[in-house]
N, C-alpha and C. Protein backbone atom coordinates (compact mmCIF):
# COMPACT_ATOMS: atom_id res chain seq x y z
N UNK A 1 -23.86 90.78 -31.96
CA UNK A 1 -23.11 89.52 -32.09
C UNK A 1 -22.73 88.99 -30.72
N UNK A 2 -22.33 89.92 -29.84
CA UNK A 2 -21.94 89.46 -28.51
C UNK A 2 -23.12 88.82 -27.80
N UNK A 3 -24.31 89.46 -27.96
CA UNK A 3 -25.48 88.87 -27.30
C UNK A 3 -25.85 87.53 -27.90
N UNK A 4 -25.63 87.37 -29.22
CA UNK A 4 -25.97 86.10 -29.87
C UNK A 4 -24.99 84.99 -29.48
N UNK A 5 -23.73 85.30 -29.21
CA UNK A 5 -22.75 84.26 -28.86
C UNK A 5 -22.76 83.93 -27.38
N UNK A 6 -23.48 84.65 -26.58
CA UNK A 6 -23.50 84.39 -25.14
C UNK A 6 -24.02 82.99 -24.80
N UNK A 7 -25.10 82.54 -25.43
CA UNK A 7 -25.55 81.16 -25.12
C UNK A 7 -24.49 80.12 -25.44
N UNK A 8 -23.77 80.32 -26.55
CA UNK A 8 -22.71 79.36 -26.91
C UNK A 8 -21.59 79.38 -25.89
N UNK A 9 -21.26 80.60 -25.43
CA UNK A 9 -20.19 80.72 -24.45
C UNK A 9 -20.61 80.04 -23.13
N UNK A 10 -21.87 80.25 -22.79
CA UNK A 10 -22.36 79.65 -21.56
C UNK A 10 -22.35 78.12 -21.66
N UNK A 11 -22.70 77.60 -22.84
CA UNK A 11 -22.70 76.14 -23.04
C UNK A 11 -21.28 75.60 -23.00
N UNK A 12 -20.35 76.35 -23.60
CA UNK A 12 -18.95 75.91 -23.58
C UNK A 12 -18.40 75.91 -22.16
N UNK A 13 -18.74 76.92 -21.41
CA UNK A 13 -18.27 76.96 -20.03
C UNK A 13 -18.86 75.81 -19.21
N UNK A 14 -20.11 75.48 -19.50
CA UNK A 14 -20.73 74.36 -18.80
C UNK A 14 -20.02 73.05 -19.13
N UNK A 15 -19.65 72.91 -20.41
CA UNK A 15 -18.94 71.70 -20.84
C UNK A 15 -17.56 71.64 -20.17
N UNK A 16 -16.88 72.80 -20.12
CA UNK A 16 -15.57 72.86 -19.46
C UNK A 16 -15.69 72.46 -17.99
N UNK A 17 -16.72 72.98 -17.33
CA UNK A 17 -16.94 72.66 -15.94
C UNK A 17 -17.20 71.16 -15.75
N UNK A 18 -17.99 70.61 -16.69
CA UNK A 18 -18.29 69.17 -16.62
C UNK A 18 -17.04 68.34 -16.83
N UNK A 19 -16.21 68.78 -17.80
CA UNK A 19 -14.95 68.09 -18.06
C UNK A 19 -14.04 68.15 -16.83
N UNK A 20 -14.02 69.28 -16.20
CA UNK A 20 -13.20 69.45 -15.00
C UNK A 20 -13.67 68.51 -13.89
N UNK A 21 -14.99 68.40 -13.71
CA UNK A 21 -15.53 67.50 -12.70
C UNK A 21 -15.21 66.05 -13.03
N UNK A 22 -15.29 65.70 -14.32
CA UNK A 22 -14.94 64.34 -14.73
C UNK A 22 -13.47 64.04 -14.46
N UNK A 23 -12.59 65.02 -14.73
CA UNK A 23 -11.16 64.81 -14.46
C UNK A 23 -10.92 64.59 -12.96
N UNK A 24 -11.65 65.39 -12.15
CA UNK A 24 -11.52 65.22 -10.70
C UNK A 24 -11.96 63.82 -10.29
N UNK A 25 -13.05 63.35 -10.88
CA UNK A 25 -13.54 62.00 -10.57
C UNK A 25 -12.53 60.93 -10.99
N UNK A 26 -11.94 61.18 -12.17
CA UNK A 26 -10.94 60.22 -12.66
C UNK A 26 -9.75 60.16 -11.71
N UNK A 27 -9.27 61.32 -11.28
CA UNK A 27 -8.15 61.37 -10.33
C UNK A 27 -8.52 60.65 -9.03
N UNK A 28 -9.75 60.90 -8.56
CA UNK A 28 -10.22 60.28 -7.32
C UNK A 28 -10.30 58.75 -7.47
N UNK A 29 -10.84 58.32 -8.63
CA UNK A 29 -10.97 56.87 -8.85
C UNK A 29 -9.59 56.21 -8.97
N UNK A 30 -8.64 56.91 -9.63
CA UNK A 30 -7.28 56.36 -9.73
C UNK A 30 -6.65 56.22 -8.35
N UNK A 31 -6.85 57.27 -7.53
CA UNK A 31 -6.30 57.21 -6.17
C UNK A 31 -6.95 56.09 -5.37
N UNK A 32 -8.24 55.92 -5.54
CA UNK A 32 -8.95 54.84 -4.84
C UNK A 32 -8.48 53.47 -5.31
N UNK A 33 -8.25 53.37 -6.64
CA UNK A 33 -7.75 52.11 -7.19
C UNK A 33 -6.38 51.77 -6.60
N UNK A 34 -5.52 52.77 -6.52
CA UNK A 34 -4.18 52.54 -5.97
C UNK A 34 -4.26 52.10 -4.50
N UNK A 35 -5.22 52.72 -3.78
CA UNK A 35 -5.37 52.33 -2.38
C UNK A 35 -5.90 50.89 -2.26
N UNK A 36 -6.80 50.53 -3.15
CA UNK A 36 -7.43 49.21 -3.06
C UNK A 36 -6.63 48.10 -3.76
N UNK A 37 -5.63 48.48 -4.59
CA UNK A 37 -4.88 47.49 -5.36
C UNK A 37 -4.24 46.41 -4.48
N UNK A 38 -3.59 46.79 -3.36
CA UNK A 38 -3.02 45.72 -2.51
C UNK A 38 -4.07 44.73 -2.02
N UNK A 39 -5.28 45.23 -1.73
CA UNK A 39 -6.34 44.34 -1.29
C UNK A 39 -6.76 43.40 -2.41
N UNK A 40 -6.82 43.98 -3.64
CA UNK A 40 -7.14 43.12 -4.79
C UNK A 40 -6.07 42.06 -4.99
N UNK A 41 -4.80 42.48 -4.88
CA UNK A 41 -3.70 41.52 -5.05
C UNK A 41 -3.76 40.43 -3.98
N UNK A 42 -4.02 40.85 -2.74
CA UNK A 42 -4.13 39.87 -1.65
C UNK A 42 -5.28 38.91 -1.89
N UNK A 43 -6.40 39.48 -2.36
CA UNK A 43 -7.57 38.63 -2.64
C UNK A 43 -7.24 37.62 -3.73
N UNK A 44 -6.59 38.10 -4.80
CA UNK A 44 -6.23 37.19 -5.90
C UNK A 44 -5.26 36.10 -5.42
N UNK A 45 -4.30 36.52 -4.57
CA UNK A 45 -3.34 35.54 -4.05
C UNK A 45 -4.05 34.52 -3.17
N UNK A 46 -4.95 35.02 -2.32
CA UNK A 46 -5.70 34.10 -1.46
C UNK A 46 -6.57 33.15 -2.28
N UNK A 47 -7.19 33.71 -3.31
CA UNK A 47 -8.03 32.88 -4.18
C UNK A 47 -7.21 31.78 -4.85
N UNK A 48 -6.01 32.18 -5.36
CA UNK A 48 -5.14 31.19 -5.98
C UNK A 48 -4.70 30.14 -4.96
N UNK A 49 -4.40 30.60 -3.72
CA UNK A 49 -4.01 29.67 -2.67
C UNK A 49 -5.11 28.70 -2.32
N UNK A 50 -6.33 29.19 -2.25
CA UNK A 50 -7.48 28.33 -1.95
C UNK A 50 -7.67 27.30 -3.05
N UNK A 51 -7.52 27.74 -4.31
CA UNK A 51 -7.66 26.80 -5.43
C UNK A 51 -6.57 25.72 -5.37
N UNK A 52 -5.33 26.17 -5.05
CA UNK A 52 -4.23 25.20 -4.95
C UNK A 52 -4.48 24.22 -3.81
N UNK A 53 -4.97 24.74 -2.68
CA UNK A 53 -5.27 23.86 -1.55
C UNK A 53 -6.39 22.89 -1.89
N UNK A 54 -7.34 23.37 -2.68
CA UNK A 54 -8.44 22.50 -3.09
C UNK A 54 -7.92 21.33 -3.92
N UNK A 55 -6.99 21.64 -4.86
CA UNK A 55 -6.40 20.58 -5.67
C UNK A 55 -5.60 19.61 -4.80
N UNK A 56 -4.84 20.20 -3.85
CA UNK A 56 -4.05 19.37 -2.96
C UNK A 56 -4.95 18.49 -2.09
N UNK A 57 -6.09 19.07 -1.69
CA UNK A 57 -7.03 18.30 -0.87
C UNK A 57 -7.59 17.12 -1.66
N UNK A 58 -7.86 17.35 -2.95
CA UNK A 58 -8.35 16.26 -3.78
C UNK A 58 -7.32 15.13 -3.85
N UNK A 59 -6.05 15.52 -4.01
CA UNK A 59 -4.98 14.52 -4.06
C UNK A 59 -4.89 13.77 -2.73
N UNK A 60 -4.97 14.53 -1.63
CA UNK A 60 -4.89 13.89 -0.31
C UNK A 60 -6.07 12.95 -0.08
N UNK A 61 -7.24 13.34 -0.54
CA UNK A 61 -8.41 12.48 -0.39
C UNK A 61 -8.21 11.17 -1.16
N UNK A 62 -7.60 11.28 -2.35
CA UNK A 62 -7.30 10.06 -3.11
C UNK A 62 -6.31 9.19 -2.35
N UNK A 63 -5.28 9.84 -1.77
CA UNK A 63 -4.29 9.08 -1.00
C UNK A 63 -4.94 8.40 0.21
N UNK A 64 -5.81 9.15 0.91
CA UNK A 64 -6.49 8.60 2.09
C UNK A 64 -7.34 7.40 1.69
N UNK A 65 -8.08 7.54 0.59
CA UNK A 65 -8.92 6.44 0.12
C UNK A 65 -8.06 5.23 -0.24
N UNK A 66 -6.92 5.50 -0.88
CA UNK A 66 -6.01 4.43 -1.28
C UNK A 66 -5.51 3.67 -0.05
N UNK A 67 -5.06 4.41 0.96
CA UNK A 67 -4.49 3.75 2.13
C UNK A 67 -5.57 3.09 2.99
N UNK A 68 -6.78 3.62 2.97
CA UNK A 68 -7.86 2.92 3.67
C UNK A 68 -8.09 1.54 3.04
N UNK A 69 -8.06 1.50 1.72
CA UNK A 69 -8.20 0.22 1.03
C UNK A 69 -7.04 -0.71 1.38
N UNK A 70 -5.82 -0.13 1.47
CA UNK A 70 -4.67 -0.95 1.81
C UNK A 70 -4.78 -1.50 3.22
N UNK A 71 -5.33 -0.68 4.15
CA UNK A 71 -5.50 -1.14 5.52
C UNK A 71 -6.50 -2.29 5.57
N UNK A 72 -7.60 -2.16 4.81
CA UNK A 72 -8.58 -3.24 4.77
C UNK A 72 -7.95 -4.51 4.20
N UNK A 73 -7.17 -4.33 3.12
CA UNK A 73 -6.51 -5.50 2.53
C UNK A 73 -5.48 -6.08 3.48
N UNK A 74 -4.79 -5.20 4.23
CA UNK A 74 -3.79 -5.66 5.20
C UNK A 74 -4.44 -6.52 6.28
N UNK A 75 -5.61 -6.08 6.75
CA UNK A 75 -6.30 -6.87 7.78
C UNK A 75 -6.67 -8.26 7.26
N UNK A 76 -7.14 -8.29 6.00
CA UNK A 76 -7.47 -9.59 5.39
C UNK A 76 -6.21 -10.45 5.26
N UNK A 77 -5.11 -9.83 4.78
CA UNK A 77 -3.87 -10.57 4.61
C UNK A 77 -3.33 -11.06 5.95
N UNK A 78 -3.43 -10.21 6.97
CA UNK A 78 -2.94 -10.62 8.29
C UNK A 78 -3.69 -11.86 8.78
N UNK A 79 -5.01 -11.89 8.52
CA UNK A 79 -5.77 -13.08 8.89
C UNK A 79 -5.28 -14.31 8.16
N UNK A 80 -4.98 -14.15 6.86
CA UNK A 80 -4.47 -15.29 6.08
C UNK A 80 -3.09 -15.70 6.57
N UNK A 81 -2.23 -14.70 6.85
CA UNK A 81 -0.89 -15.02 7.33
C UNK A 81 -0.94 -15.76 8.67
N UNK A 82 -1.82 -15.32 9.57
CA UNK A 82 -1.95 -15.98 10.87
C UNK A 82 -2.46 -17.41 10.71
N UNK A 83 -3.42 -17.60 9.79
CA UNK A 83 -3.93 -18.95 9.54
C UNK A 83 -2.82 -19.86 9.04
N UNK A 84 -2.05 -19.37 8.05
CA UNK A 84 -0.96 -20.17 7.49
C UNK A 84 0.09 -20.46 8.55
N UNK A 85 0.42 -19.43 9.35
CA UNK A 85 1.42 -19.62 10.40
C UNK A 85 0.96 -20.65 11.41
N UNK A 86 -0.31 -20.58 11.79
CA UNK A 86 -0.85 -21.54 12.76
C UNK A 86 -0.78 -22.97 12.21
N UNK A 87 -1.17 -23.15 10.95
CA UNK A 87 -1.13 -24.48 10.35
C UNK A 87 0.30 -24.99 10.22
N UNK A 88 1.21 -24.06 9.86
CA UNK A 88 2.62 -24.48 9.76
C UNK A 88 3.17 -24.90 11.11
N UNK A 89 2.79 -24.17 12.17
CA UNK A 89 3.26 -24.55 13.52
C UNK A 89 2.72 -25.92 13.92
N UNK A 90 1.45 -26.18 13.59
CA UNK A 90 0.88 -27.50 13.90
C UNK A 90 1.63 -28.59 13.14
N UNK A 91 1.92 -28.31 11.85
CA UNK A 91 2.62 -29.30 11.06
C UNK A 91 4.04 -29.52 11.57
N UNK A 92 4.69 -28.44 11.99
CA UNK A 92 6.04 -28.59 12.53
C UNK A 92 6.04 -29.42 13.81
N UNK A 93 4.99 -29.20 14.64
CA UNK A 93 4.88 -30.00 15.86
C UNK A 93 4.68 -31.47 15.51
N UNK A 94 3.79 -31.75 14.54
CA UNK A 94 3.60 -33.13 14.09
C UNK A 94 4.90 -33.70 13.54
N UNK A 95 5.63 -32.84 12.83
CA UNK A 95 6.90 -33.25 12.25
C UNK A 95 7.88 -33.67 13.34
N UNK A 96 7.95 -32.89 14.43
CA UNK A 96 8.87 -33.22 15.52
C UNK A 96 8.47 -34.54 16.18
N UNK A 97 7.16 -34.76 16.36
CA UNK A 97 6.69 -36.03 16.94
C UNK A 97 7.04 -37.20 16.03
N UNK A 98 6.82 -37.01 14.73
CA UNK A 98 7.13 -38.09 13.79
C UNK A 98 8.61 -38.39 13.76
N UNK A 99 9.44 -37.35 13.82
CA UNK A 99 10.89 -37.57 13.82
C UNK A 99 11.31 -38.36 15.06
N UNK A 100 10.67 -38.04 16.19
CA UNK A 100 10.99 -38.79 17.41
C UNK A 100 10.58 -40.27 17.24
N UNK A 101 9.38 -40.47 16.65
CA UNK A 101 8.93 -41.85 16.42
C UNK A 101 9.86 -42.58 15.47
N UNK A 102 10.31 -41.87 14.43
CA UNK A 102 11.21 -42.49 13.45
C UNK A 102 12.53 -42.87 14.10
N UNK A 103 13.06 -41.99 14.96
CA UNK A 103 14.31 -42.32 15.66
C UNK A 103 14.14 -43.55 16.55
N UNK A 104 12.99 -43.61 17.23
CA UNK A 104 12.73 -44.78 18.07
C UNK A 104 12.65 -46.05 17.22
N UNK A 105 11.97 -45.94 16.07
CA UNK A 105 11.84 -47.11 15.19
C UNK A 105 13.20 -47.54 14.64
N UNK A 106 14.02 -46.56 14.26
CA UNK A 106 15.36 -46.89 13.78
C UNK A 106 16.14 -47.63 14.87
N UNK A 107 16.01 -47.12 16.10
CA UNK A 107 16.71 -47.80 17.20
C UNK A 107 16.24 -49.23 17.39
N UNK A 108 14.92 -49.43 17.35
CA UNK A 108 14.38 -50.79 17.49
C UNK A 108 14.83 -51.69 16.35
N UNK A 109 14.81 -51.12 15.11
CA UNK A 109 15.22 -51.93 13.96
C UNK A 109 16.70 -52.30 14.02
N UNK A 110 17.52 -51.35 14.48
CA UNK A 110 18.95 -51.65 14.59
C UNK A 110 19.17 -52.75 15.64
N UNK A 111 18.43 -52.61 16.77
CA UNK A 111 18.57 -53.65 17.81
C UNK A 111 18.09 -55.00 17.27
N UNK A 112 17.00 -54.97 16.52
CA UNK A 112 16.47 -56.20 15.92
C UNK A 112 17.45 -56.78 14.93
N UNK A 113 18.10 -55.87 14.16
CA UNK A 113 19.07 -56.32 13.15
C UNK A 113 20.28 -56.97 13.81
N UNK A 114 20.74 -56.35 14.89
CA UNK A 114 21.93 -56.89 15.55
C UNK A 114 21.63 -58.27 16.17
N UNK A 115 20.40 -58.43 16.66
CA UNK A 115 20.03 -59.72 17.23
C UNK A 115 19.91 -60.79 16.14
N UNK A 116 19.36 -60.33 14.96
CA UNK A 116 19.14 -61.31 13.89
C UNK A 116 20.38 -61.50 13.02
N UNK A 117 21.40 -60.61 13.15
CA UNK A 117 22.60 -60.70 12.32
C UNK A 117 22.34 -60.36 10.88
N UNK A 118 21.41 -59.42 10.64
CA UNK A 118 21.06 -59.04 9.26
C UNK A 118 21.84 -57.79 8.86
N UNK A 119 22.08 -57.66 7.55
CA UNK A 119 22.82 -56.51 7.03
C UNK A 119 21.90 -55.35 6.69
N UNK A 120 20.70 -55.65 6.30
CA UNK A 120 19.80 -54.59 5.83
C UNK A 120 18.43 -54.83 6.43
N UNK A 121 18.04 -53.99 7.39
CA UNK A 121 16.76 -54.24 8.04
C UNK A 121 15.57 -53.81 7.20
N UNK A 122 15.82 -53.11 6.09
CA UNK A 122 14.72 -52.77 5.19
C UNK A 122 14.36 -53.93 4.28
N UNK A 123 15.34 -54.77 4.00
CA UNK A 123 15.08 -55.89 3.09
C UNK A 123 15.05 -57.23 3.82
N UNK A 124 15.31 -57.18 5.13
CA UNK A 124 15.32 -58.45 5.87
C UNK A 124 13.94 -59.07 5.88
N UNK A 125 13.93 -60.43 5.91
CA UNK A 125 12.65 -61.13 5.82
C UNK A 125 12.13 -61.66 7.13
N UNK A 126 12.80 -61.29 8.24
CA UNK A 126 12.36 -61.80 9.52
C UNK A 126 11.00 -61.21 9.89
N UNK A 127 10.15 -62.03 10.43
CA UNK A 127 8.81 -61.56 10.79
C UNK A 127 8.85 -60.52 11.90
N UNK A 128 9.83 -60.62 12.82
CA UNK A 128 9.89 -59.68 13.93
C UNK A 128 10.19 -58.27 13.45
N UNK A 129 10.92 -58.12 12.33
CA UNK A 129 11.28 -56.80 11.82
C UNK A 129 10.22 -56.24 10.87
N UNK A 130 9.38 -57.11 10.33
CA UNK A 130 8.40 -56.66 9.35
C UNK A 130 7.49 -55.55 9.83
N UNK A 131 6.80 -55.69 10.94
CA UNK A 131 5.92 -54.61 11.43
C UNK A 131 6.67 -53.31 11.69
N UNK A 132 7.91 -53.43 12.21
CA UNK A 132 8.70 -52.22 12.47
C UNK A 132 9.05 -51.51 11.17
N UNK A 133 9.42 -52.33 10.15
CA UNK A 133 9.75 -51.73 8.85
C UNK A 133 8.54 -51.03 8.27
N UNK A 134 7.40 -51.67 8.34
CA UNK A 134 6.18 -51.06 7.79
C UNK A 134 5.82 -49.77 8.53
N UNK A 135 5.95 -49.81 9.86
CA UNK A 135 5.64 -48.62 10.66
C UNK A 135 6.61 -47.50 10.32
N UNK A 136 7.89 -47.85 10.16
CA UNK A 136 8.90 -46.84 9.83
C UNK A 136 8.63 -46.22 8.46
N UNK A 137 8.32 -47.06 7.47
CA UNK A 137 8.02 -46.53 6.14
C UNK A 137 6.81 -45.61 6.17
N UNK A 138 5.81 -45.99 6.98
CA UNK A 138 4.62 -45.15 7.12
C UNK A 138 4.97 -43.79 7.72
N UNK A 139 5.79 -43.82 8.77
CA UNK A 139 6.19 -42.57 9.42
C UNK A 139 7.00 -41.68 8.47
N UNK A 140 7.90 -42.31 7.71
CA UNK A 140 8.70 -41.55 6.75
C UNK A 140 7.82 -40.93 5.67
N UNK A 141 6.79 -41.68 5.25
CA UNK A 141 5.87 -41.16 4.26
C UNK A 141 5.09 -39.97 4.83
N UNK A 142 4.68 -40.08 6.09
CA UNK A 142 3.97 -38.97 6.73
C UNK A 142 4.87 -37.74 6.86
N UNK A 143 6.14 -38.01 7.18
CA UNK A 143 7.09 -36.89 7.26
C UNK A 143 7.20 -36.17 5.93
N UNK A 144 7.30 -36.92 4.84
CA UNK A 144 7.40 -36.33 3.52
C UNK A 144 6.14 -35.54 3.17
N UNK A 145 4.98 -36.07 3.52
CA UNK A 145 3.72 -35.35 3.26
C UNK A 145 3.67 -34.02 4.03
N UNK A 146 4.13 -34.06 5.28
CA UNK A 146 4.14 -32.83 6.08
C UNK A 146 5.06 -31.79 5.46
N UNK A 147 6.24 -32.24 5.03
CA UNK A 147 7.18 -31.30 4.39
C UNK A 147 6.57 -30.69 3.13
N UNK A 148 5.86 -31.50 2.36
CA UNK A 148 5.22 -30.98 1.15
C UNK A 148 4.11 -29.99 1.49
N UNK A 149 3.35 -30.26 2.56
CA UNK A 149 2.29 -29.33 2.96
C UNK A 149 2.88 -28.02 3.47
N UNK A 150 3.98 -28.10 4.22
CA UNK A 150 4.64 -26.87 4.70
C UNK A 150 5.14 -26.05 3.52
N UNK A 151 5.74 -26.74 2.54
CA UNK A 151 6.24 -26.05 1.35
C UNK A 151 5.08 -25.39 0.58
N UNK A 152 3.94 -26.09 0.49
CA UNK A 152 2.77 -25.52 -0.19
C UNK A 152 2.26 -24.29 0.54
N UNK A 153 2.27 -24.32 1.87
CA UNK A 153 1.81 -23.16 2.64
C UNK A 153 2.76 -21.98 2.47
N UNK A 154 4.07 -22.25 2.42
CA UNK A 154 5.02 -21.16 2.18
C UNK A 154 4.80 -20.55 0.79
N UNK A 155 4.52 -21.40 -0.19
CA UNK A 155 4.23 -20.88 -1.53
C UNK A 155 2.94 -20.06 -1.53
N UNK A 156 1.93 -20.50 -0.77
CA UNK A 156 0.68 -19.75 -0.66
C UNK A 156 0.92 -18.40 0.00
N UNK A 157 1.77 -18.40 1.03
CA UNK A 157 2.12 -17.16 1.73
C UNK A 157 2.79 -16.18 0.77
N UNK A 158 3.77 -16.67 0.00
CA UNK A 158 4.47 -15.82 -0.96
C UNK A 158 3.54 -15.34 -2.07
N UNK A 159 2.60 -16.19 -2.48
CA UNK A 159 1.66 -15.81 -3.53
C UNK A 159 0.76 -14.67 -3.04
N UNK A 160 0.34 -14.73 -1.78
CA UNK A 160 -0.47 -13.64 -1.22
C UNK A 160 0.31 -12.33 -1.21
N UNK A 161 1.57 -12.40 -0.79
CA UNK A 161 2.40 -11.19 -0.76
C UNK A 161 2.62 -10.65 -2.17
N UNK A 162 2.87 -11.55 -3.11
CA UNK A 162 3.09 -11.13 -4.49
C UNK A 162 1.86 -10.46 -5.07
N UNK A 163 0.68 -11.04 -4.83
CA UNK A 163 -0.56 -10.46 -5.34
C UNK A 163 -0.81 -9.08 -4.73
N UNK A 164 -0.51 -8.93 -3.45
CA UNK A 164 -0.70 -7.63 -2.80
C UNK A 164 0.26 -6.60 -3.38
N UNK A 165 1.52 -6.99 -3.58
CA UNK A 165 2.50 -6.06 -4.14
C UNK A 165 2.13 -5.65 -5.55
N UNK A 166 1.65 -6.60 -6.35
CA UNK A 166 1.24 -6.29 -7.72
C UNK A 166 0.04 -5.35 -7.72
N UNK A 167 -0.87 -5.53 -6.77
CA UNK A 167 -2.03 -4.63 -6.66
C UNK A 167 -1.57 -3.23 -6.30
N UNK A 168 -0.58 -3.13 -5.43
CA UNK A 168 -0.02 -1.82 -5.08
C UNK A 168 0.53 -1.13 -6.32
N UNK A 169 1.27 -1.88 -7.11
CA UNK A 169 1.86 -1.30 -8.32
C UNK A 169 0.77 -0.88 -9.31
N UNK A 170 -0.29 -1.67 -9.37
CA UNK A 170 -1.38 -1.37 -10.30
C UNK A 170 -2.12 -0.10 -9.89
N UNK A 171 -2.32 0.10 -8.58
CA UNK A 171 -3.07 1.25 -8.11
C UNK A 171 -2.21 2.49 -7.93
N UNK A 172 -0.90 2.34 -8.01
CA UNK A 172 0.00 3.46 -7.72
C UNK A 172 -0.27 4.68 -8.59
N UNK A 173 -0.49 4.58 -9.92
CA UNK A 173 -0.71 5.80 -10.72
C UNK A 173 -2.01 6.51 -10.39
N UNK A 174 -2.96 5.86 -9.70
CA UNK A 174 -4.26 6.47 -9.46
C UNK A 174 -4.23 7.49 -8.33
N UNK A 175 -3.22 7.44 -7.48
CA UNK A 175 -3.16 8.38 -6.38
C UNK A 175 -2.28 9.55 -6.79
N UNK A 176 -2.11 10.49 -5.86
CA UNK A 176 -1.42 11.75 -6.16
C UNK A 176 0.06 11.57 -6.38
N UNK A 177 0.81 12.64 -6.13
CA UNK A 177 2.26 12.57 -6.36
C UNK A 177 2.87 11.48 -5.50
N UNK A 178 3.43 10.47 -6.17
CA UNK A 178 3.91 9.28 -5.46
C UNK A 178 5.36 9.47 -5.06
N UNK A 179 5.69 9.20 -3.83
CA UNK A 179 7.06 9.29 -3.35
C UNK A 179 7.46 7.93 -2.81
N UNK A 180 8.76 7.66 -2.77
CA UNK A 180 9.21 6.37 -2.20
C UNK A 180 8.72 6.18 -0.77
N UNK A 181 8.64 7.29 0.00
CA UNK A 181 8.19 7.17 1.38
C UNK A 181 6.74 6.65 1.43
N UNK A 182 5.89 7.24 0.58
CA UNK A 182 4.49 6.80 0.56
C UNK A 182 4.40 5.34 0.14
N UNK A 183 5.18 4.97 -0.89
CA UNK A 183 5.11 3.59 -1.37
C UNK A 183 5.63 2.62 -0.33
N UNK A 184 6.69 3.02 0.39
CA UNK A 184 7.23 2.15 1.42
C UNK A 184 6.21 1.88 2.52
N UNK A 185 5.38 2.90 2.82
CA UNK A 185 4.32 2.67 3.79
C UNK A 185 3.36 1.58 3.31
N UNK A 186 3.09 1.60 2.00
CA UNK A 186 2.23 0.55 1.44
C UNK A 186 2.91 -0.80 1.44
N UNK A 187 4.21 -0.79 1.16
CA UNK A 187 4.95 -2.05 1.12
C UNK A 187 5.02 -2.68 2.50
N UNK A 188 5.14 -1.84 3.53
CA UNK A 188 5.19 -2.39 4.89
C UNK A 188 3.92 -3.16 5.21
N UNK A 189 2.81 -2.74 4.58
CA UNK A 189 1.58 -3.49 4.80
C UNK A 189 1.70 -4.91 4.25
N UNK A 190 2.49 -5.06 3.21
CA UNK A 190 2.73 -6.40 2.65
C UNK A 190 3.83 -7.14 3.40
N UNK A 191 4.48 -6.45 4.35
CA UNK A 191 5.54 -7.02 5.17
C UNK A 191 6.71 -7.54 4.32
N UNK A 192 6.95 -6.87 3.22
CA UNK A 192 8.09 -7.22 2.37
C UNK A 192 8.68 -5.94 1.79
N UNK A 193 10.01 -5.94 1.57
CA UNK A 193 10.66 -4.79 0.97
C UNK A 193 10.85 -4.93 -0.53
N UNK A 194 10.68 -6.17 -1.04
CA UNK A 194 10.95 -6.39 -2.46
C UNK A 194 9.78 -6.03 -3.34
N UNK A 195 8.65 -5.62 -2.78
CA UNK A 195 7.48 -5.31 -3.60
C UNK A 195 7.76 -4.13 -4.53
N UNK A 196 8.62 -3.19 -4.10
CA UNK A 196 8.92 -2.02 -4.93
C UNK A 196 9.60 -2.44 -6.23
N UNK A 197 10.40 -3.51 -6.17
CA UNK A 197 11.12 -3.95 -7.36
C UNK A 197 10.17 -4.44 -8.44
N UNK A 198 8.97 -4.88 -8.07
CA UNK A 198 8.02 -5.40 -9.05
C UNK A 198 7.49 -4.31 -9.96
N UNK A 199 7.61 -3.04 -9.55
CA UNK A 199 7.08 -1.93 -10.34
C UNK A 199 8.12 -1.41 -11.29
């Protein structure tokens, strides 16, 4: 019986030896895992950080694209503002010349009135005052036209600013996390502080 059970005993011992080697490997692998765990944690943290930076970069790229468009629009608006300002200055200069002419005409008409003994030089029928009255009425009409053109240019200027501010409000949700500081930078391009109130 002892000789017959020897092969079984030998097989059992071999299995025990194999189990022992496996346990040693398990202990070794656990120790290796513990040694490498900080590296795995660091790798995972770095990976998460890279992913977060990637998302932040996407947001920043959107912001950069947004502000590049605003700069282009600002350049166009500045050209329009300069054109309007130049035309308004020309009209104001014409206005000052016309006012001087009107004052001179009033002076001549008053002198003419005092010589003729008339009460109203606008309704007087003397031939000497007629051309002066007509010239004065013409100058006054030109003054009124200039004032209306200046008012129209101011309205055009405000309309440009309003359209730009409304465009800012429309595009605001498309960019990243919006802060008052970022929006104020956009508003400065419109050269107005009230654009924020439109949103």
